[in-house]
Amino acid sequence: MAWLLRILVLLVAGAVLLVFLAMAAVMLLLSCLRWLITGRKPDFVIMLKAVQRYKNMAARQPTHGPHSDDIIEAEVREVKDKPPQLPS
């Protein structure tokens, strides 16, 4: 009896998998048809291009690191004779 239950569970799981694959194929087909009709690229294409762009940006070597040759000088003075004011 246990083997019959296992076969039944496998058949149900296979049917669910086929339903999801069919739904994905239909959605892909509708998305491509919309692309042909409206000229707007599908969202998954835009998302994949964005992921590729971010991967390329992360792979590039930074041109200016924290140890660059730029020298920045600053002078700080405290003014004690005037009360603090917000800039107008």
PDB file of N, CA and C in Angstrom:
ATOM      1  N   MET A   1       0.805  -1.195   0.000  1.00  0.00           N
ATOM      2  CA  MET A   1       0.000   0.000   0.000  1.00  0.00           C
ATOM      3  C   MET A   1       0.854   1.267   0.000  1.00  0.00           C
ATOM      4  N   ALA A   2       2.019   1.236   0.651  1.00  0.00           N
ATOM      5  CA  ALA A   2       2.884   2.408   0.718  1.00  0.00           C
ATOM      6  C   ALA A   2       3.411   2.782  -0.661  1.00  0.00           C
ATOM      7  N   TRP A   3       3.726   1.796  -1.480  1.00  0.00           N
ATOM      8  CA  TRP A   3       4.233   2.089  -2.821  1.00  0.00           C
ATOM      9  C   TRP A   3       3.166   2.728  -3.681  1.00  0.00           C
ATOM     10  N   LEU A   4       1.902   2.359  -3.440  1.00  0.00           N
ATOM     11  CA  LEU A   4       0.803   2.968  -4.179  1.00  0.00           C
ATOM     12  C   LEU A   4       0.649   4.443  -3.805  1.00  0.00           C
ATOM     13  N   LEU A   5       0.815   4.728  -2.516  1.00  0.00           N
ATOM     14  CA  LEU A   5       0.753   6.119  -2.064  1.00  0.00           C
ATOM     15  C   LEU A   5       1.911   6.936  -2.636  1.00  0.00           C
ATOM     16  N   ARG A   6       3.099   6.342  -2.685  1.00  0.00           N
ATOM     17  CA  ARG A   6       4.264   7.039  -3.268  1.00  0.00           C
ATOM     18  C   ARG A   6       4.031   7.345  -4.746  1.00  0.00           C
ATOM     19  N   ILE A   7       3.491   6.382  -5.464  1.00  0.00           N
ATOM     20  CA  ILE A   7       3.217   6.600  -6.894  1.00  0.00           C
ATOM     21  C   ILE A   7       2.173   7.704  -7.068  1.00  0.00           C
ATOM     22  N   LEU A   8       1.143   7.693  -6.212  1.00  0.00           N
ATOM     23  CA  LEU A   8       0.116   8.718  -6.289  1.00  0.00           C
ATOM     24  C   LEU A   8       0.682  10.114  -6.004  1.00  0.00           C
ATOM     25  N   VAL A   9       1.537  10.214  -4.985  1.00  0.00           N
ATOM     26  CA  VAL A   9       2.161  11.500  -4.657  1.00  0.00           C
ATOM     27  C   VAL A   9       3.059  11.968  -5.803  1.00  0.00           C
ATOM     28  N   LEU A  10       3.827  11.062  -6.396  1.00  0.00           N
ATOM     29  CA  LEU A  10       4.670  11.437  -7.538  1.00  0.00           C
ATOM     30  C   LEU A  10       3.841  11.902  -8.732  1.00  0.00           C
ATOM     31  N   LEU A  11       2.712  11.238  -8.978  1.00  0.00           N
ATOM     32  CA  LEU A  11       1.844  11.666 -10.084  1.00  0.00           C
ATOM     33  C   LEU A  11       1.252  13.054  -9.835  1.00  0.00           C
ATOM     34  N   VAL A  12       0.821  13.312  -8.602  1.00  0.00           N
ATOM     35  CA  VAL A  12       0.276  14.630  -8.275  1.00  0.00           C
ATOM     36  C   VAL A  12       1.363  15.703  -8.395  1.00  0.00           C
ATOM     37  N   ALA A  13       2.562  15.405  -7.884  1.00  0.00           N
ATOM     38  CA  ALA A  13       3.669  16.363  -7.986  1.00  0.00           C
ATOM     39  C   ALA A  13       4.029  16.623  -9.446  1.00  0.00           C
ATOM     40  N   GLY A  14       4.033  15.599 -10.269  1.00  0.00           N
ATOM     41  CA  GLY A  14       4.311  15.764 -11.697  1.00  0.00           C
ATOM     42  C   GLY A  14       3.252  16.606 -12.382  1.00  0.00           C
ATOM     43  N   ALA A  15       1.993  16.376 -12.008  1.00  0.00           N
ATOM     44  CA  ALA A  15       0.901  17.166 -12.600  1.00  0.00           C
ATOM     45  C   ALA A  15       1.019  18.638 -12.208  1.00  0.00           C
ATOM     46  N   VAL A  16       1.339  18.894 -10.936  1.00  0.00           N
ATOM     47  CA  VAL A  16       1.506  20.281 -10.491  1.00  0.00           C
ATOM     48  C   VAL A  16       2.668  20.938 -11.227  1.00  0.00           C
ATOM     49  N   LEU A  17       3.764  20.217 -11.385  1.00  0.00           N
ATOM     50  CA  LEU A  17       4.916  20.748 -12.113  1.00  0.00           C
ATOM     51  C   LEU A  17       4.548  21.070 -13.561  1.00  0.00           C
ATOM     52  N   LEU A  18       3.809  20.176 -14.211  1.00  0.00           N
ATOM     53  CA  LEU A  18       3.395  20.433 -15.591  1.00  0.00           C
ATOM     54  C   LEU A  18       2.470  21.640 -15.694  1.00  0.00           C
ATOM     55  N   VAL A  19       1.587  21.814 -14.723  1.00  0.00           N
ATOM     56  CA  VAL A  19       0.689  22.972 -14.731  1.00  0.00           C
ATOM     57  C   VAL A  19       1.496  24.262 -14.605  1.00  0.00           C
ATOM     58  N   PHE A  20       2.469  24.285 -13.683  1.00  0.00           N
ATOM     59  CA  PHE A  20       3.283  25.496 -13.524  1.00  0.00           C
ATOM     60  C   PHE A  20       4.137  25.774 -14.761  1.00  0.00           C
ATOM     61  N   LEU A  21       4.678  24.734 -15.372  1.00  0.00           N
ATOM     62  CA  LEU A  21       5.451  24.939 -16.602  1.00  0.00           C
ATOM     63  C   LEU A  21       4.565  25.448 -17.733  1.00  0.00           C
ATOM     64  N   ALA A  22       3.351  24.939 -17.831  1.00  0.00           N
ATOM     65  CA  ALA A  22       2.427  25.412 -18.866  1.00  0.00           C
ATOM     66  C   ALA A  22       2.054  26.873 -18.620  1.00  0.00           C
ATOM     67  N   MET A  23       1.805  27.225 -17.357  1.00  0.00           N
ATOM     68  CA  MET A  23       1.486  28.622 -17.045  1.00  0.00           C
ATOM     69  C   MET A  23       2.661  29.541 -17.376  1.00  0.00           C
ATOM     70  N   ALA A  24       3.874  29.107 -17.074  1.00  0.00           N
ATOM     71  CA  ALA A  24       5.043  29.923 -17.396  1.00  0.00           C
ATOM     72  C   ALA A  24       5.191  30.089 -18.906  1.00  0.00           C
ATOM     73  N   ALA A  25       4.929  29.029 -19.667  1.00  0.00           N
ATOM     74  CA  ALA A  25       5.020  29.119 -21.123  1.00  0.00           C
ATOM     75  C   ALA A  25       3.963  30.070 -21.678  1.00  0.00           C
ATOM     76  N   VAL A  26       2.755  30.011 -21.136  1.00  0.00           N
ATOM     77  CA  VAL A  26       1.689  30.912 -21.595  1.00  0.00           C
ATOM     78  C   VAL A  26       2.041  32.359 -21.262  1.00  0.00           C
ATOM     79  N   MET A  27       2.559  32.607 -20.058  1.00  0.00           N
ATOM     80  CA  MET A  27       2.941  33.972 -19.679  1.00  0.00           C
ATOM     81  C   MET A  27       4.073  34.491 -20.570  1.00  0.00           C
ATOM     82  N   LEU A  28       5.027  33.635 -20.892  1.00  0.00           N
ATOM     83  CA  LEU A  28       6.123  34.037 -21.782  1.00  0.00           C
ATOM     84  C   LEU A  28       5.582  34.364 -23.171  1.00  0.00           C
ATOM     85  N   LEU A  29       4.664  33.551 -23.650  1.00  0.00           N
ATOM     86  CA  LEU A  29       4.064  33.801 -24.962  1.00  0.00           C
ATOM     87  C   LEU A  29       3.292  35.115 -24.974  1.00  0.00           C
ATOM     88  N   LEU A  30       2.487  35.358 -23.931  1.00  0.00           N
ATOM     89  CA  LEU A  30       1.743  36.620 -23.860  1.00  0.00           C
ATOM     90  C   LEU A  30       2.677  37.818 -23.750  1.00  0.00           C
ATOM     91  N   SER A  31       3.762  37.664 -23.011  1.00  0.00           N
ATOM     92  CA  SER A  31       4.718  38.756 -22.872  1.00  0.00           C
ATOM     93  C   SER A  31       5.385  39.071 -24.210  1.00  0.00           C
ATOM     94  N   CYS A  32       5.728  38.032 -24.954  1.00  0.00           N
ATOM     95  CA  CYS A  32       6.346  38.254 -26.266  1.00  0.00           C
ATOM     96  C   CYS A  32       5.351  38.865 -27.255  1.00  0.00           C
ATOM     97  N   LEU A  33       4.095  38.442 -27.183  1.00  0.00           N
ATOM     98  CA  LEU A  33       3.077  39.049 -28.056  1.00  0.00           C
ATOM     99  C   LEU A  33       2.885  40.525 -27.727  1.00  0.00           C
ATOM    100  N   ARG A  34       2.870  40.847 -26.442  1.00  0.00           N
ATOM    101  CA  ARG A  34       2.741  42.253 -26.045  1.00  0.00           C
ATOM    102  C   ARG A  34       3.946  43.057 -26.537  1.00  0.00           C
ATOM    103  N   TRP A  35       5.126  42.428 -26.505  1.00  0.00           N
ATOM    104  CA  TRP A  35       6.344  43.072 -26.995  1.00  0.00           C
ATOM    105  C   TRP A  35       6.202  43.380 -28.488  1.00  0.00           C
ATOM    106  N   LEU A  36       5.666  42.439 -29.233  1.00  0.00           N
ATOM    107  CA  LEU A  36       5.496  42.659 -30.674  1.00  0.00           C
ATOM    108  C   LEU A  36       4.449  43.730 -30.965  1.00  0.00           C
ATOM    109  N   ILE A  37       3.383  43.759 -30.187  1.00  0.00           N
ATOM    110  CA  ILE A  37       2.295  44.700 -30.451  1.00  0.00           C
ATOM    111  C   ILE A  37       2.652  46.109 -30.001  1.00  0.00           C
ATOM    112  N   THR A  38       3.153  46.256 -28.767  1.00  0.00           N
ATOM    113  CA  THR A  38       3.388  47.593 -28.217  1.00  0.00           C
ATOM    114  C   THR A  38       4.811  48.095 -28.445  1.00  0.00           C
ATOM    115  N   GLY A  39       5.758  47.194 -28.664  1.00  0.00           N
ATOM    116  CA  GLY A  39       7.150  47.608 -28.816  1.00  0.00           C
ATOM    117  C   GLY A  39       7.868  47.793 -27.495  1.00  0.00           C
ATOM    118  N   ARG A  40       7.171  47.563 -26.391  1.00  0.00           N
ATOM    119  CA  ARG A  40       7.777  47.689 -25.061  1.00  0.00           C
ATOM    120  C   ARG A  40       8.393  46.351 -24.667  1.00  0.00           C
ATOM    121  N   LYS A  41       9.647  46.400 -24.255  1.00  0.00           N
ATOM    122  CA  LYS A  41      10.328  45.160 -23.891  1.00  0.00           C
ATOM    123  C   LYS A  41       9.692  44.547 -22.644  1.00  0.00           C
ATOM    124  N   PRO A  42       9.711  43.220 -22.552  1.00  0.00           N
ATOM    125  CA  PRO A  42       9.164  42.575 -21.352  1.00  0.00           C
ATOM    126  C   PRO A  42       9.973  42.928 -20.113  1.00  0.00           C
ATOM    127  N   ASP A  43       9.313  42.867 -18.978  1.00  0.00           N
ATOM    128  CA  ASP A  43       9.959  43.257 -17.728  1.00  0.00           C
ATOM    129  C   ASP A  43      11.141  42.363 -17.389  1.00  0.00           C
ATOM    130  N   PHE A  44      11.054  41.074 -17.716  1.00  0.00           N
ATOM    131  CA  PHE A  44      12.165  40.197 -17.370  1.00  0.00           C
ATOM    132  C   PHE A  44      13.406  40.522 -18.182  1.00  0.00           C
ATOM    133  N   VAL A  45      13.258  41.013 -19.400  1.00  0.00           N
ATOM    134  CA  VAL A  45      14.416  41.416 -20.206  1.00  0.00           C
ATOM    135  C   VAL A  45      15.068  42.644 -19.583  1.00  0.00           C
ATOM    136  N   ILE A  46      14.254  43.604 -19.158  1.00  0.00           N
ATOM    137  CA  ILE A  46      14.778  44.819 -18.533  1.00  0.00           C
ATOM    138  C   ILE A  46      15.488  44.469 -17.234  1.00  0.00           C
ATOM    139  N   MET A  47      14.905  43.547 -16.454  1.00  0.00           N
ATOM    140  CA  MET A  47      15.508  43.149 -15.189  1.00  0.00           C
ATOM    141  C   MET A  47      16.847  42.439 -15.422  1.00  0.00           C
ATOM    142  N   LEU A  48      16.915  41.559 -16.411  1.00  0.00           N
ATOM    143  CA  LEU A  48      18.163  40.857 -16.685  1.00  0.00           C
ATOM    144  C   LEU A  48      19.253  41.820 -17.144  1.00  0.00           C
ATOM    145  N   LYS A  49      18.887  42.823 -17.936  1.00  0.00           N
ATOM    146  CA  LYS A  49      19.878  43.813 -18.369  1.00  0.00           C
ATOM    147  C   LYS A  49      20.367  44.646 -17.188  1.00  0.00           C
ATOM    148  N   ALA A  50      19.476  44.974 -16.254  1.00  0.00           N
ATOM    149  CA  ALA A  50      19.881  45.733 -15.077  1.00  0.00           C
ATOM    150  C   ALA A  50      20.831  44.926 -14.208  1.00  0.00           C
ATOM    151  N   VAL A  51      20.564  43.636 -14.050  1.00  0.00           N
ATOM    152  CA  VAL A  51      21.453  42.781 -13.260  1.00  0.00           C
ATOM    153  C   VAL A  51      22.820  42.692 -13.921  1.00  0.00           C
ATOM    154  N   GLN A  52      22.854  42.546 -15.239  1.00  0.00           N
ATOM    155  CA  GLN A  52      24.132  42.512 -15.963  1.00  0.00           C
ATOM    156  C   GLN A  52      24.890  43.824 -15.785  1.00  0.00           C
ATOM    157  N   ARG A  53      24.176  44.940 -15.862  1.00  0.00           N
ATOM    158  CA  ARG A  53      24.821  46.240 -15.724  1.00  0.00           C
ATOM    159  C   ARG A  53      25.423  46.392 -14.330  1.00  0.00           C
ATOM    160  N   TYR A  54      24.701  45.963 -13.296  1.00  0.00           N
ATOM    161  CA  TYR A  54      25.224  46.069 -11.933  1.00  0.00           C
ATOM    162  C   TYR A  54      26.410  45.141 -11.714  1.00  0.00           C
ATOM    163  N   LYS A  55      26.395  43.962 -12.341  1.00  0.00           N
ATOM    164  CA  LYS A  55      27.535  43.049 -12.235  1.00  0.00           C
ATOM    165  C   LYS A  55      28.766  43.670 -12.891  1.00  0.00           C
ATOM    166  N   ASN A  56      28.575  44.300 -14.036  1.00  0.00           N
ATOM    167  CA  ASN A  56      29.699  44.944 -14.718  1.00  0.00           C
ATOM    168  C   ASN A  56      30.237  46.115 -13.905  1.00  0.00           C
ATOM    169  N   MET A  57      29.329  46.870 -13.270  1.00  0.00           N
ATOM    170  CA  MET A  57      29.789  47.993 -12.448  1.00  0.00           C
ATOM    171  C   MET A  57      30.585  47.495 -11.246  1.00  0.00           C
ATOM    172  N   ALA A  58      30.184  46.376 -10.667  1.00  0.00           N
ATOM    173  CA  ALA A  58      30.883  45.833  -9.501  1.00  0.00           C
ATOM    174  C   ALA A  58      32.223  45.225  -9.897  1.00  0.00           C
ATOM    175  N   ALA A  59      32.335  44.721 -11.116  1.00  0.00           N
ATOM    176  CA  ALA A  59      33.569  44.076 -11.554  1.00  0.00           C
ATOM    177  C   ALA A  59      34.644  45.084 -11.954  1.00  0.00           C
ATOM    178  N   ARG A  60      34.225  46.293 -12.321  1.00  0.00           N
ATOM    179  CA  ARG A  60      35.204  47.306 -12.728  1.00  0.00           C
ATOM    180  C   ARG A  60      36.066  47.735 -11.557  1.00  0.00           C
ATOM    181  N   GLN A  61      37.310  48.047 -11.846  1.00  0.00           N
ATOM    182  CA  GLN A  61      38.220  48.542 -10.819  1.00  0.00           C
ATOM    183  C   GLN A  61      37.900  50.010 -10.549  1.00  0.00           C
ATOM    184  N   PRO A  62      37.864  50.396  -9.290  1.00  0.00           N
ATOM    185  CA  PRO A  62      37.586  51.815  -9.000  1.00  0.00           C
ATOM    186  C   PRO A  62      38.744  52.691  -9.464  1.00  0.00           C
ATOM    187  N   THR A  63      38.402  53.839 -10.016  1.00  0.00           N
ATOM    188  CA  THR A  63      39.440  54.741 -10.517  1.00  0.00           C
ATOM    189  C   THR A  63      40.065  55.539  -9.382  1.00  0.00           C
ATOM    190  N   HIS A  64      39.283  55.892  -8.383  1.00  0.00           N
ATOM    191  CA  HIS A  64      39.791  56.642  -7.240  1.00  0.00           C
ATOM    192  C   HIS A  64      39.500  55.852  -5.984  1.00  0.00           C
ATOM    193  N   GLY A  65      40.542  55.428  -5.343  1.00  0.00           N
ATOM    194  CA  GLY A  65      40.368  54.683  -4.108  1.00  0.00           C
ATOM    195  C   GLY A  65      40.549  55.582  -2.911  1.00  0.00           C
ATOM    196  N   PRO A  66      40.501  55.026  -1.724  1.00  0.00           N
ATOM    197  CA  PRO A  66      40.684  55.845  -0.523  1.00  0.00           C
ATOM    198  C   PRO A  66      42.118  56.343  -0.369  1.00  0.00           C
ATOM    199  N   HIS A  67      43.066  55.728  -1.067  1.00  0.00           N
ATOM    200  CA  HIS A  67      44.472  56.129  -0.966  1.00  0.00           C
ATOM    201  C   HIS A  67      44.933  56.811  -2.247  1.00  0.00           C
ATOM    202  N   SER A  68      44.097  57.668  -2.791  1.00  0.00           N
ATOM    203  CA  SER A  68      44.488  58.359  -4.023  1.00  0.00           C
ATOM    204  C   SER A  68      45.478  59.473  -3.692  1.00  0.00           C
ATOM    205  N   ASP A  69      46.038  60.044  -4.716  1.00  0.00           N
ATOM    206  CA  ASP A  69      47.071  61.066  -4.549  1.00  0.00           C
ATOM    207  C   ASP A  69      46.501  62.463  -4.338  1.00  0.00           C
ATOM    208  N   ASP A  70      45.201  62.603  -4.256  1.00  0.00           N
ATOM    209  CA  ASP A  70      44.600  63.910  -4.027  1.00  0.00           C
ATOM    210  C   ASP A  70      44.871  64.358  -2.596  1.00  0.00           C
ATOM    211  N   ILE A  71      45.249  65.616  -2.467  1.00  0.00           N
ATOM    212  CA  ILE A  71      45.501  66.177  -1.143  1.00  0.00           C
ATOM    213  C   ILE A  71      44.419  67.206  -0.867  1.00  0.00           C
ATOM    214  N   ILE A  72      43.743  67.039   0.227  1.00  0.00           N
ATOM    215  CA  ILE A  72      42.679  67.959   0.601  1.00  0.00           C
ATOM    216  C   ILE A  72      43.093  68.620   1.902  1.00  0.00           C
ATOM    217  N   GLU A  73      43.101  69.944   1.894  1.00  0.00           N
ATOM    218  CA  GLU A  73      43.452  70.678   3.104  1.00  0.00           C
ATOM    219  C   GLU A  73      42.227  71.425   3.603  1.00  0.00           C
ATOM    220  N   ALA A  74      42.125  71.504   4.912  1.00  0.00           N
ATOM    221  CA  ALA A  74      41.009  72.221   5.510  1.00  0.00           C
ATOM    222  C   ALA A  74      41.498  72.931   6.764  1.00  0.00           C
ATOM    223  N   GLU A  75      40.930  74.088   7.011  1.00  0.00           N
ATOM    224  CA  GLU A  75      41.260  74.838   8.221  1.00  0.00           C
ATOM    225  C   GLU A  75      39.961  75.081   8.975  1.00  0.00           C
ATOM    226  N   VAL A  76      39.960  74.779  10.246  1.00  0.00           N
ATOM    227  CA  VAL A  76      38.769  74.926  11.063  1.00  0.00           C
ATOM    228  C   VAL A  76      39.072  75.927  12.163  1.00  0.00           C
ATOM    229  N   ARG A  77      38.192  76.909  12.283  1.00  0.00           N
ATOM    230  CA  ARG A  77      38.326  77.900  13.357  1.00  0.00           C
ATOM    231  C   ARG A  77      36.997  78.044  14.065  1.00  0.00           C
ATOM    232  N   GLU A  78      37.052  78.250  15.362  1.00  0.00           N
ATOM    233  CA  GLU A  78      35.842  78.457  16.139  1.00  0.00           C
ATOM    234  C   GLU A  78      35.690  79.947  16.396  1.00  0.00           C
ATOM    235  N   VAL A  79      34.513  80.466  16.097  1.00  0.00           N
ATOM    236  CA  VAL A  79      34.234  81.880  16.314  1.00  0.00           C
ATOM    237  C   VAL A  79      33.435  81.975  17.608  1.00  0.00           C
ATOM    238  N   LYS A  80      34.006  82.680  18.625  1.00  0.00           N
ATOM    239  CA  LYS A  80      33.376  82.706  19.935  1.00  0.00           C
ATOM    240  C   LYS A  80      32.631  84.006  20.222  1.00  0.00           C
ATOM    241  N   ASP A  81      32.852  85.057  19.475  1.00  0.00           N
ATOM    242  CA  ASP A  81      32.262  86.339  19.824  1.00  0.00           C
ATOM    243  C   ASP A  81      30.852  86.542  19.260  1.00  0.00           C
ATOM    244  N   LYS A  82      30.329  85.671  18.394  1.00  0.00           N
ATOM    245  CA  LYS A  82      28.980  85.822  17.849  1.00  0.00           C
ATOM    246  C   LYS A  82      28.109  84.652  18.311  1.00  0.00           C
ATOM    247  N   PRO A  83      26.824  84.930  18.568  1.00  0.00           N
ATOM    248  CA  PRO A  83      25.925  83.827  18.935  1.00  0.00           C
ATOM    249  C   PRO A  83      25.650  82.940  17.706  1.00  0.00           C
ATOM    250  N   PRO A  84      25.377  81.688  17.905  1.00  0.00           N
ATOM    251  CA  PRO A  84      25.111  80.813  16.752  1.00  0.00           C
ATOM    252  C   PRO A  84      23.833  81.227  16.033  1.00  0.00           C
ATOM    253  N   GLN A  85      23.913  81.228  14.690  1.00  0.00           N
ATOM    254  CA  GLN A  85      22.767  81.612  13.863  1.00  0.00           C
ATOM    255  C   GLN A  85      22.601  80.606  12.741  1.00  0.00           C
ATOM    256  N   LEU A  86      21.370  80.449  12.324  1.00  0.00           N
ATOM    257  CA  LEU A  86      21.112  79.638  11.148  1.00  0.00           C
ATOM    258  C   LEU A  86      21.353  80.518   9.925  1.00  0.00           C
ATOM    259  N   PRO A  87      21.900  79.924   8.842  1.00  0.00           N
ATOM    260  CA  PRO A  87      22.089  80.724   7.626  1.00  0.00           C
ATOM    261  C   PRO A  87      20.756  81.135   7.043  1.00  0.00           C
ATOM    262  N   SER A  88      20.705  82.369   6.548  1.00  0.00           N
ATOM    263  CA  SER A  88      19.438  82.876   5.994  1.00  0.00           C
ATOM    264  C   SER A  88      19.422  82.765   4.488  1.00  0.00           C
TER     265      SER A  88
END
